[in-house]
Amino acid sequence: MSNVKAGGQAGILAGLIYAVVEAAAVVTLLVAFKSDVIEVISSELPSRTAASVNAEYNLLIATDAVVAVAFGIILGLALGLVYGAFSDRIPGRPGVTKGLVFGFILWLILHVLADYFGNLKYGLTFYLVDIGLGLATSLVYGALLAIFFEREMKKLAAPGPSTAAHAVDSAR
């Protein structure tokens, strides 16, 4: 049970960092490919004016950033608990190697399988950059999760002052 607790705590910390990095990656991607994104928005909303297309684009950026942060924090905690529960079964040596394996599996599930080519509508280059950024952020999350997990496990394993010794010291 201590592995799961350590995983949850590590997941929250890694998830917070992942959330910020993922939000920055999403915004950067949408800004870098603004013309492609605007073209898709225009084609999906043909009766819109240029002003409303730009408003839709700005809303997309804001929404995607907020969703990335919220999703990153919630997912960070949930995956931290999973990592803690299964850390002994993840291939590799303890530490960052296991975290990178976990991050790679996360990337396959969330960015390759779950995305299911949905971002191809913005063009092949956008999709490939998105997949690459997803790999980078997933590996960062996995590495941070492993580092924070090891730190939490050391805290749990460290001998603390015993209750009896604390009671004697308090009585003096």
N, C-alpha and C. Protein backbone atom coordinates (compact mmCIF):
# COMPACT_ATOMS: atom_id res chain seq x y z
N MET A 1 0.81 -1.20 0.00
CA MET A 1 0.00 0.00 0.00
C MET A 1 0.86 1.26 0.00
N SER A 2 2.05 1.18 0.57
CA SER A 2 2.92 2.35 0.59
C SER A 2 3.36 2.73 -0.83
N ASN A 3 3.50 1.73 -1.72
CA ASN A 3 3.85 2.03 -3.11
C ASN A 3 2.77 2.88 -3.77
N VAL A 4 1.52 2.53 -3.51
CA VAL A 4 0.41 3.26 -4.12
C VAL A 4 0.36 4.69 -3.56
N LYS A 5 0.56 4.83 -2.26
CA LYS A 5 0.57 6.16 -1.65
C LYS A 5 1.71 7.00 -2.23
N ALA A 6 2.88 6.43 -2.33
CA ALA A 6 4.02 7.14 -2.91
C ALA A 6 3.75 7.47 -4.37
N GLY A 7 3.12 6.54 -5.08
CA GLY A 7 2.78 6.79 -6.47
C GLY A 7 1.79 7.94 -6.63
N GLY A 8 0.81 7.99 -5.76
CA GLY A 8 -0.17 9.08 -5.80
C GLY A 8 0.47 10.43 -5.54
N GLN A 9 1.33 10.48 -4.53
CA GLN A 9 2.01 11.73 -4.21
C GLN A 9 2.94 12.14 -5.34
N ALA A 10 3.67 11.18 -5.87
CA ALA A 10 4.57 11.47 -6.99
C ALA A 10 3.77 11.88 -8.22
N GLY A 11 2.63 11.24 -8.42
CA GLY A 11 1.78 11.54 -9.57
C GLY A 11 1.25 12.96 -9.55
N ILE A 12 0.90 13.44 -8.36
CA ILE A 12 0.41 14.81 -8.25
C ILE A 12 1.51 15.79 -8.64
N LEU A 13 2.71 15.59 -8.11
CA LEU A 13 3.82 16.50 -8.43
C LEU A 13 4.17 16.43 -9.91
N ALA A 14 4.35 15.23 -10.42
CA ALA A 14 4.70 15.06 -11.84
C ALA A 14 3.55 15.55 -12.72
N GLY A 15 2.32 15.32 -12.29
CA GLY A 15 1.15 15.75 -13.05
C GLY A 15 1.05 17.27 -13.16
N LEU A 16 1.39 17.97 -12.09
CA LEU A 16 1.38 19.44 -12.14
C LEU A 16 2.38 19.96 -13.17
N ILE A 17 3.57 19.40 -13.15
CA ILE A 17 4.59 19.83 -14.11
C ILE A 17 4.19 19.42 -15.52
N TYR A 18 3.71 18.18 -15.66
CA TYR A 18 3.26 17.69 -16.96
C TYR A 18 2.14 18.58 -17.50
N ALA A 19 1.22 18.99 -16.64
CA ALA A 19 0.09 19.82 -17.07
C ALA A 19 0.56 21.13 -17.67
N VAL A 20 1.51 21.76 -17.02
CA VAL A 20 2.03 23.03 -17.52
C VAL A 20 2.79 22.83 -18.83
N VAL A 21 3.63 21.80 -18.89
CA VAL A 21 4.40 21.52 -20.10
C VAL A 21 3.46 21.15 -21.25
N GLU A 22 2.46 20.33 -20.97
CA GLU A 22 1.50 19.91 -22.02
C GLU A 22 0.70 21.11 -22.52
N ALA A 23 0.26 21.98 -21.62
CA ALA A 23 -0.48 23.17 -22.03
C ALA A 23 0.39 24.07 -22.91
N ALA A 24 1.64 24.25 -22.52
CA ALA A 24 2.55 25.06 -23.33
C ALA A 24 2.78 24.43 -24.70
N ALA A 25 2.90 23.11 -24.75
CA ALA A 25 3.09 22.41 -26.02
C ALA A 25 1.87 22.56 -26.92
N VAL A 26 0.68 22.44 -26.35
CA VAL A 26 -0.55 22.57 -27.13
C VAL A 26 -0.69 23.98 -27.70
N VAL A 27 -0.46 24.98 -26.86
CA VAL A 27 -0.57 26.36 -27.32
C VAL A 27 0.48 26.65 -28.39
N THR A 28 1.70 26.20 -28.17
CA THR A 28 2.77 26.40 -29.15
C THR A 28 2.41 25.77 -30.48
N LEU A 29 1.88 24.57 -30.44
CA LEU A 29 1.50 23.86 -31.66
C LEU A 29 0.39 24.61 -32.40
N LEU A 30 -0.62 25.06 -31.68
CA LEU A 30 -1.73 25.77 -32.32
C LEU A 30 -1.28 27.12 -32.89
N VAL A 31 -0.36 27.78 -32.23
CA VAL A 31 0.15 29.07 -32.72
C VAL A 31 1.06 28.84 -33.93
N ALA A 32 1.91 27.83 -33.86
CA ALA A 32 2.83 27.55 -34.97
C ALA A 32 2.10 27.17 -36.24
N PHE A 33 0.97 26.51 -36.09
CA PHE A 33 0.19 26.06 -37.26
C PHE A 33 -1.13 26.84 -37.37
N LYS A 34 -1.09 28.11 -37.03
CA LYS A 34 -2.30 28.94 -36.99
C LYS A 34 -3.05 28.92 -38.31
N SER A 35 -2.36 29.08 -39.41
CA SER A 35 -3.06 29.14 -40.71
C SER A 35 -3.77 27.83 -41.02
N ASP A 36 -3.15 26.69 -40.70
CA ASP A 36 -3.78 25.40 -40.94
C ASP A 36 -5.01 25.22 -40.04
N VAL A 37 -4.88 25.64 -38.79
CA VAL A 37 -5.99 25.51 -37.84
C VAL A 37 -7.14 26.43 -38.26
N ILE A 38 -6.82 27.66 -38.65
CA ILE A 38 -7.84 28.62 -39.10
C ILE A 38 -8.56 28.07 -40.34
N GLU A 39 -7.80 27.47 -41.24
CA GLU A 39 -8.40 26.90 -42.46
C GLU A 39 -9.41 25.81 -42.12
N VAL A 40 -9.06 24.95 -41.15
CA VAL A 40 -9.98 23.88 -40.75
C VAL A 40 -11.21 24.48 -40.06
N ILE A 41 -11.00 25.45 -39.19
CA ILE A 41 -12.14 26.10 -38.52
C ILE A 41 -13.06 26.73 -39.57
N SER A 42 -12.47 27.40 -40.55
CA SER A 42 -13.27 28.03 -41.61
C SER A 42 -14.06 27.01 -42.40
N SER A 43 -13.46 25.86 -42.67
CA SER A 43 -14.16 24.85 -43.46
C SER A 43 -15.27 24.17 -42.65
N GLU A 44 -15.08 24.08 -41.34
CA GLU A 44 -16.10 23.47 -40.49
C GLU A 44 -17.24 24.44 -40.19
N LEU A 45 -16.97 25.73 -40.28
CA LEU A 45 -17.96 26.76 -40.00
C LEU A 45 -18.05 27.70 -41.21
N PRO A 46 -18.56 27.23 -42.35
CA PRO A 46 -18.49 28.02 -43.58
C PRO A 46 -19.24 29.33 -43.55
N SER A 47 -20.26 29.46 -42.73
CA SER A 47 -21.04 30.70 -42.71
C SER A 47 -20.44 31.75 -41.78
N ARG A 48 -19.31 31.47 -41.20
CA ARG A 48 -18.71 32.40 -40.24
C ARG A 48 -17.89 33.47 -40.96
N THR A 49 -17.79 34.62 -40.32
CA THR A 49 -16.95 35.70 -40.83
C THR A 49 -15.53 35.49 -40.33
N ALA A 50 -14.61 36.26 -40.89
CA ALA A 50 -13.21 36.15 -40.46
C ALA A 50 -13.07 36.47 -38.97
N ALA A 51 -13.85 37.43 -38.49
CA ALA A 51 -13.78 37.79 -37.07
C ALA A 51 -14.23 36.64 -36.18
N SER A 52 -15.29 35.96 -36.58
CA SER A 52 -15.76 34.85 -35.74
C SER A 52 -14.83 33.64 -35.84
N VAL A 53 -14.18 33.46 -36.99
CA VAL A 53 -13.20 32.38 -37.12
C VAL A 53 -12.01 32.64 -36.19
N ASN A 54 -11.57 33.90 -36.14
CA ASN A 54 -10.48 34.25 -35.22
C ASN A 54 -10.91 34.08 -33.76
N ALA A 55 -12.15 34.41 -33.46
CA ALA A 55 -12.67 34.20 -32.10
C ALA A 55 -12.72 32.71 -31.78
N GLU A 56 -13.13 31.89 -32.72
CA GLU A 56 -13.15 30.43 -32.53
C GLU A 56 -11.73 29.90 -32.32
N TYR A 57 -10.78 30.43 -33.07
CA TYR A 57 -9.38 30.03 -32.92
C TYR A 57 -8.86 30.37 -31.52
N ASN A 58 -9.13 31.60 -31.08
CA ASN A 58 -8.70 32.02 -29.74
C ASN A 58 -9.36 31.18 -28.65
N LEU A 59 -10.63 30.85 -28.85
CA LEU A 59 -11.33 30.00 -27.90
C LEU A 59 -10.72 28.59 -27.88
N LEU A 60 -10.35 28.09 -29.04
CA LEU A 60 -9.70 26.77 -29.13
C LEU A 60 -8.40 26.75 -28.34
N ILE A 61 -7.60 27.79 -28.49
CA ILE A 61 -6.34 27.87 -27.74
C ILE A 61 -6.60 27.87 -26.24
N ALA A 62 -7.51 28.74 -25.80
CA ALA A 62 -7.80 28.84 -24.37
C ALA A 62 -8.38 27.54 -23.83
N THR A 63 -9.31 26.96 -24.55
CA THR A 63 -9.94 25.71 -24.11
C THR A 63 -8.93 24.57 -24.05
N ASP A 64 -8.12 24.44 -25.09
CA ASP A 64 -7.13 23.37 -25.11
C ASP A 64 -6.11 23.52 -23.98
N ALA A 65 -5.73 24.75 -23.67
CA ALA A 65 -4.77 24.97 -22.58
C ALA A 65 -5.38 24.60 -21.23
N VAL A 66 -6.61 25.02 -21.00
CA VAL A 66 -7.28 24.71 -19.72
C VAL A 66 -7.51 23.20 -19.60
N VAL A 67 -7.95 22.58 -20.68
CA VAL A 67 -8.17 21.13 -20.66
C VAL A 67 -6.85 20.40 -20.41
N ALA A 68 -5.77 20.86 -21.04
CA ALA A 68 -4.47 20.21 -20.84
C ALA A 68 -4.04 20.29 -19.37
N VAL A 69 -4.26 21.42 -18.74
CA VAL A 69 -3.88 21.56 -17.32
C VAL A 69 -4.75 20.67 -16.44
N ALA A 70 -6.06 20.74 -16.62
CA ALA A 70 -6.95 19.93 -15.79
C ALA A 70 -6.71 18.44 -16.02
N PHE A 71 -6.61 18.05 -17.27
CA PHE A 71 -6.38 16.66 -17.62
C PHE A 71 -5.03 16.19 -17.08
N GLY A 72 -4.03 17.04 -17.18
CA GLY A 72 -2.69 16.68 -16.70
C GLY A 72 -2.65 16.43 -15.20
N ILE A 73 -3.34 17.24 -14.44
CA ILE A 73 -3.35 17.08 -12.98
C ILE A 73 -4.12 15.81 -12.59
N ILE A 74 -5.31 15.66 -13.15
CA ILE A 74 -6.13 14.48 -12.82
C ILE A 74 -5.44 13.20 -13.30
N LEU A 75 -4.96 13.24 -14.53
CA LEU A 75 -4.27 12.07 -15.09
C LEU A 75 -2.98 11.79 -14.32
N GLY A 76 -2.29 12.85 -13.91
CA GLY A 76 -1.06 12.67 -13.14
C GLY A 76 -1.30 11.90 -11.87
N LEU A 77 -2.34 12.25 -11.15
CA LEU A 77 -2.68 11.54 -9.91
C LEU A 77 -3.06 10.10 -10.21
N ALA A 78 -3.97 9.90 -11.16
CA ALA A 78 -4.44 8.55 -11.47
C ALA A 78 -3.30 7.65 -11.95
N LEU A 79 -2.48 8.17 -12.83
CA LEU A 79 -1.38 7.35 -13.34
C LEU A 79 -0.29 7.15 -12.29
N GLY A 80 -0.15 8.10 -11.39
CA GLY A 80 0.78 7.92 -10.28
C GLY A 80 0.37 6.76 -9.40
N LEU A 81 -0.94 6.65 -9.14
CA LEU A 81 -1.45 5.51 -8.36
C LEU A 81 -1.20 4.19 -9.10
N VAL A 82 -1.42 4.20 -10.41
CA VAL A 82 -1.18 3.00 -11.22
C VAL A 82 0.31 2.66 -11.20
N TYR A 83 1.15 3.67 -11.37
CA TYR A 83 2.60 3.45 -11.36
C TYR A 83 3.03 2.85 -10.02
N GLY A 84 2.51 3.41 -8.94
CA GLY A 84 2.86 2.89 -7.61
C GLY A 84 2.43 1.45 -7.44
N ALA A 85 1.23 1.12 -7.91
CA ALA A 85 0.70 -0.24 -7.76
C ALA A 85 1.48 -1.25 -8.60
N PHE A 86 1.96 -0.84 -9.76
CA PHE A 86 2.60 -1.78 -10.68
C PHE A 86 4.09 -1.51 -10.89
N SER A 87 4.69 -0.67 -10.07
CA SER A 87 6.09 -0.30 -10.29
C SER A 87 7.03 -1.50 -10.28
N ASP A 88 6.71 -2.50 -9.49
CA ASP A 88 7.58 -3.69 -9.44
C ASP A 88 7.49 -4.51 -10.73
N ARG A 89 6.44 -4.33 -11.49
CA ARG A 89 6.24 -5.12 -12.72
C ARG A 89 6.66 -4.39 -13.99
N ILE A 90 7.00 -3.12 -13.88
CA ILE A 90 7.42 -2.36 -15.05
C ILE A 90 8.85 -2.76 -15.38
N PRO A 91 9.12 -3.07 -16.66
CA PRO A 91 10.47 -3.49 -17.03
C PRO A 91 11.49 -2.37 -16.82
N GLY A 92 12.70 -2.78 -16.56
CA GLY A 92 13.79 -1.82 -16.38
C GLY A 92 14.24 -1.77 -14.94
N ARG A 93 15.37 -1.13 -14.77
CA ARG A 93 15.89 -0.94 -13.42
C ARG A 93 15.06 0.13 -12.72
N PRO A 94 15.08 0.10 -11.39
CA PRO A 94 14.34 1.14 -10.67
C PRO A 94 14.81 2.53 -11.08
N GLY A 95 13.92 3.46 -10.95
CA GLY A 95 14.27 4.85 -11.24
C GLY A 95 13.77 5.31 -12.58
N VAL A 96 14.56 6.17 -13.18
CA VAL A 96 14.14 6.86 -14.40
C VAL A 96 13.86 5.90 -15.55
N THR A 97 14.58 4.80 -15.63
CA THR A 97 14.34 3.84 -16.72
C THR A 97 12.90 3.34 -16.68
N LYS A 98 12.44 2.96 -15.52
CA LYS A 98 11.04 2.51 -15.38
C LYS A 98 10.08 3.65 -15.73
N GLY A 99 10.40 4.85 -15.32
CA GLY A 99 9.56 6.00 -15.63
C GLY A 99 9.48 6.27 -17.12
N LEU A 100 10.61 6.11 -17.80
CA LEU A 100 10.60 6.31 -19.25
C LEU A 100 9.80 5.23 -19.96
N VAL A 101 9.89 4.00 -19.49
CA VAL A 101 9.07 2.92 -20.05
C VAL A 101 7.59 3.25 -19.83
N PHE A 102 7.26 3.68 -18.62
CA PHE A 102 5.88 4.04 -18.30
C PHE A 102 5.42 5.21 -19.17
N GLY A 103 6.27 6.22 -19.34
CA GLY A 103 5.94 7.36 -20.19
C GLY A 103 5.73 6.97 -21.64
N PHE A 104 6.54 6.03 -22.12
CA PHE A 104 6.40 5.56 -23.50
C PHE A 104 5.06 4.83 -23.69
N ILE A 105 4.71 4.00 -22.72
CA ILE A 105 3.42 3.30 -22.77
C ILE A 105 2.28 4.32 -22.72
N LEU A 106 2.41 5.32 -21.87
CA LEU A 106 1.43 6.39 -21.78
C LEU A 106 1.28 7.09 -23.13
N TRP A 107 2.39 7.39 -23.78
CA TRP A 107 2.36 8.03 -25.09
C TRP A 107 1.63 7.18 -26.11
N LEU A 108 1.93 5.89 -26.13
CA LEU A 108 1.25 5.00 -27.08
C LEU A 108 -0.26 5.02 -26.88
N ILE A 109 -0.67 4.99 -25.62
CA ILE A 109 -2.11 4.93 -25.32
C ILE A 109 -2.79 6.28 -25.59
N LEU A 110 -2.23 7.36 -25.06
CA LEU A 110 -2.91 8.66 -25.11
C LEU A 110 -2.69 9.44 -26.41
N HIS A 111 -1.50 9.34 -26.96
CA HIS A 111 -1.20 10.18 -28.11
C HIS A 111 -1.27 9.44 -29.45
N VAL A 112 -1.08 8.15 -29.42
CA VAL A 112 -1.12 7.41 -30.68
C VAL A 112 -2.47 6.72 -30.84
N LEU A 113 -2.86 5.90 -29.86
CA LEU A 113 -4.11 5.14 -29.99
C LEU A 113 -5.35 5.98 -29.75
N ALA A 114 -5.37 6.75 -28.67
CA ALA A 114 -6.57 7.51 -28.32
C ALA A 114 -6.81 8.66 -29.29
N ASP A 115 -5.73 9.28 -29.77
CA ASP A 115 -5.89 10.38 -30.71
C ASP A 115 -6.45 9.88 -32.04
N TYR A 116 -6.08 8.67 -32.39
CA TYR A 116 -6.59 7.98 -33.57
C TYR A 116 -6.62 8.87 -34.81
N PHE A 117 -5.53 9.53 -35.04
CA PHE A 117 -5.34 10.35 -36.24
C PHE A 117 -6.31 11.54 -36.32
N GLY A 118 -6.91 11.91 -35.20
CA GLY A 118 -7.86 13.02 -35.19
C GLY A 118 -7.25 14.34 -35.63
N ASN A 119 -5.98 14.55 -35.36
CA ASN A 119 -5.35 15.81 -35.72
C ASN A 119 -4.81 15.83 -37.15
N LEU A 120 -5.02 14.77 -37.90
CA LEU A 120 -4.61 14.76 -39.31
C LEU A 120 -5.37 15.80 -40.12
N LYS A 121 -6.52 16.22 -39.64
CA LYS A 121 -7.30 17.23 -40.37
C LYS A 121 -6.54 18.55 -40.48
N TYR A 122 -5.57 18.78 -39.59
CA TYR A 122 -4.75 19.99 -39.66
C TYR A 122 -3.53 19.79 -40.54
N GLY A 123 -3.34 18.62 -41.07
CA GLY A 123 -2.20 18.34 -41.95
C GLY A 123 -1.25 17.34 -41.33
N LEU A 124 -0.50 16.66 -42.19
CA LEU A 124 0.43 15.63 -41.75
C LEU A 124 1.54 16.21 -40.87
N THR A 125 2.05 17.37 -41.23
CA THR A 125 3.13 17.98 -40.44
C THR A 125 2.64 18.29 -39.03
N PHE A 126 1.45 18.88 -38.92
CA PHE A 126 0.86 19.18 -37.61
C PHE A 126 0.76 17.89 -36.80
N TYR A 127 0.23 16.85 -37.43
CA TYR A 127 0.03 15.57 -36.74
C TYR A 127 1.36 15.00 -36.25
N LEU A 128 2.38 15.02 -37.09
CA LEU A 128 3.68 14.45 -36.71
C LEU A 128 4.33 15.27 -35.60
N VAL A 129 4.21 16.59 -35.68
CA VAL A 129 4.75 17.43 -34.60
C VAL A 129 3.99 17.17 -33.31
N ASP A 130 2.66 17.02 -33.41
CA ASP A 130 1.84 16.72 -32.25
C ASP A 130 2.26 15.39 -31.61
N ILE A 131 2.48 14.39 -32.44
CA ILE A 131 2.91 13.08 -31.94
C ILE A 131 4.29 13.20 -31.26
N GLY A 132 5.19 13.97 -31.89
CA GLY A 132 6.53 14.17 -31.31
C GLY A 132 6.47 14.91 -29.99
N LEU A 133 5.66 15.98 -29.92
CA LEU A 133 5.51 16.71 -28.66
C LEU A 133 4.87 15.83 -27.60
N GLY A 134 3.91 15.00 -28.02
CA GLY A 134 3.28 14.06 -27.09
C GLY A 134 4.28 13.08 -26.52
N LEU A 135 5.19 12.61 -27.37
CA LEU A 135 6.23 11.70 -26.89
C LEU A 135 7.13 12.40 -25.88
N ALA A 136 7.53 13.62 -26.21
CA ALA A 136 8.41 14.37 -25.30
C ALA A 136 7.74 14.62 -23.96
N THR A 137 6.49 15.08 -23.97
CA THR A 137 5.82 15.37 -22.70
C THR A 137 5.53 14.11 -21.90
N SER A 138 5.23 13.02 -22.59
CA SER A 138 4.98 11.75 -21.88
C SER A 138 6.26 11.22 -21.24
N LEU A 139 7.38 11.35 -21.93
CA LEU A 139 8.66 10.91 -21.36
C LEU A 139 9.07 11.79 -20.19
N VAL A 140 8.81 13.09 -20.31
CA VAL A 140 9.11 14.00 -19.19
C VAL A 140 8.26 13.60 -17.98
N TYR A 141 6.97 13.37 -18.21
CA TYR A 141 6.10 12.95 -17.11
C TYR A 141 6.61 11.65 -16.49
N GLY A 142 6.93 10.66 -17.31
CA GLY A 142 7.39 9.37 -16.80
C GLY A 142 8.67 9.51 -15.98
N ALA A 143 9.62 10.30 -16.48
CA ALA A 143 10.88 10.49 -15.76
C ALA A 143 10.64 11.20 -14.43
N LEU A 144 9.83 12.27 -14.46
CA LEU A 144 9.53 12.99 -13.22
C LEU A 144 8.77 12.11 -12.23
N LEU A 145 7.84 11.32 -12.74
CA LEU A 145 7.08 10.42 -11.88
C LEU A 145 8.02 9.45 -11.17
N ALA A 146 8.96 8.89 -11.91
CA ALA A 146 9.90 7.94 -11.31
C ALA A 146 10.80 8.62 -10.27
N ILE A 147 11.26 9.80 -10.59
CA ILE A 147 12.13 10.53 -9.64
C ILE A 147 11.37 10.85 -8.36
N PHE A 148 10.16 11.39 -8.51
CA PHE A 148 9.36 11.73 -7.33
C PHE A 148 8.92 10.48 -6.58
N PHE A 149 8.64 9.40 -7.29
CA PHE A 149 8.25 8.14 -6.66
C PHE A 149 9.39 7.60 -5.80
N GLU A 150 10.59 7.59 -6.35
CA GLU A 150 11.76 7.11 -5.57
C GLU A 150 11.96 7.98 -4.33
N ARG A 151 11.77 9.28 -4.47
CA ARG A 151 11.93 10.18 -3.32
C ARG A 151 10.87 9.88 -2.26
N GLU A 152 9.61 9.67 -2.69
CA GLU A 152 8.54 9.36 -1.73
C GLU A 152 8.78 8.01 -1.06
N MET A 153 9.27 7.04 -1.81
CA MET A 153 9.55 5.72 -1.22
C MET A 153 10.67 5.81 -0.18
N LYS A 154 11.66 6.64 -0.43
CA LYS A 154 12.74 6.82 0.55
C LYS A 154 12.20 7.48 1.81
N LYS A 155 11.28 8.43 1.65
CA LYS A 155 10.68 9.07 2.82
C LYS A 155 9.90 8.04 3.64
N LEU A 156 9.15 7.19 2.97
CA LEU A 156 8.36 6.18 3.67
C LEU A 156 9.24 5.13 4.35
N ALA A 157 10.39 4.84 3.75
CA ALA A 157 11.27 3.82 4.29
C ALA A 157 12.18 4.37 5.39
N ALA A 158 12.36 5.69 5.43
CA ALA A 158 13.25 6.28 6.41
C ALA A 158 12.70 6.08 7.81
N PRO A 159 13.57 5.63 8.71
CA PRO A 159 13.10 5.44 10.08
C PRO A 159 12.80 6.79 10.72
N GLY A 160 11.63 6.90 11.29
CA GLY A 160 11.24 8.13 12.00
C GLY A 160 11.40 7.93 13.48
N PRO A 161 11.25 8.98 14.24
CA PRO A 161 11.35 8.84 15.69
C PRO A 161 10.20 7.98 16.20
N SER A 162 10.52 7.10 17.10
CA SER A 162 9.48 6.22 17.62
C SER A 162 8.57 7.01 18.55
N THR A 163 7.35 6.53 18.71
CA THR A 163 6.37 7.19 19.57
C THR A 163 6.84 7.20 21.02
N ALA A 164 7.45 6.10 21.46
CA ALA A 164 7.92 6.01 22.85
C ALA A 164 9.03 7.01 23.12
N ALA A 165 9.97 7.12 22.21
CA ALA A 165 11.07 8.06 22.38
C ALA A 165 10.54 9.49 22.38
N HIS A 166 9.56 9.76 21.51
CA HIS A 166 8.96 11.09 21.44
C HIS A 166 8.24 11.42 22.76
N ALA A 167 7.57 10.44 23.36
CA ALA A 167 6.87 10.65 24.62
C ALA A 167 7.85 10.94 25.75
N VAL A 168 9.00 10.24 25.77
CA VAL A 168 10.01 10.46 26.80
C VAL A 168 10.60 11.85 26.65
N ASP A 169 10.90 12.25 25.38
CA ASP A 169 11.46 13.58 25.15
C ASP A 169 10.46 14.68 25.55
N SER A 170 9.19 14.46 25.31
CA SER A 170 8.15 15.44 25.64
C SER A 170 8.00 15.59 27.14
N ALA A 171 8.23 14.50 27.91
CA ALA A 171 8.05 14.53 29.36
C ALA A 171 9.18 15.28 30.05
N ARG A 172 10.31 15.40 29.40
CA ARG A 172 11.47 16.06 30.02
C ARG A 172 11.29 17.52 30.08
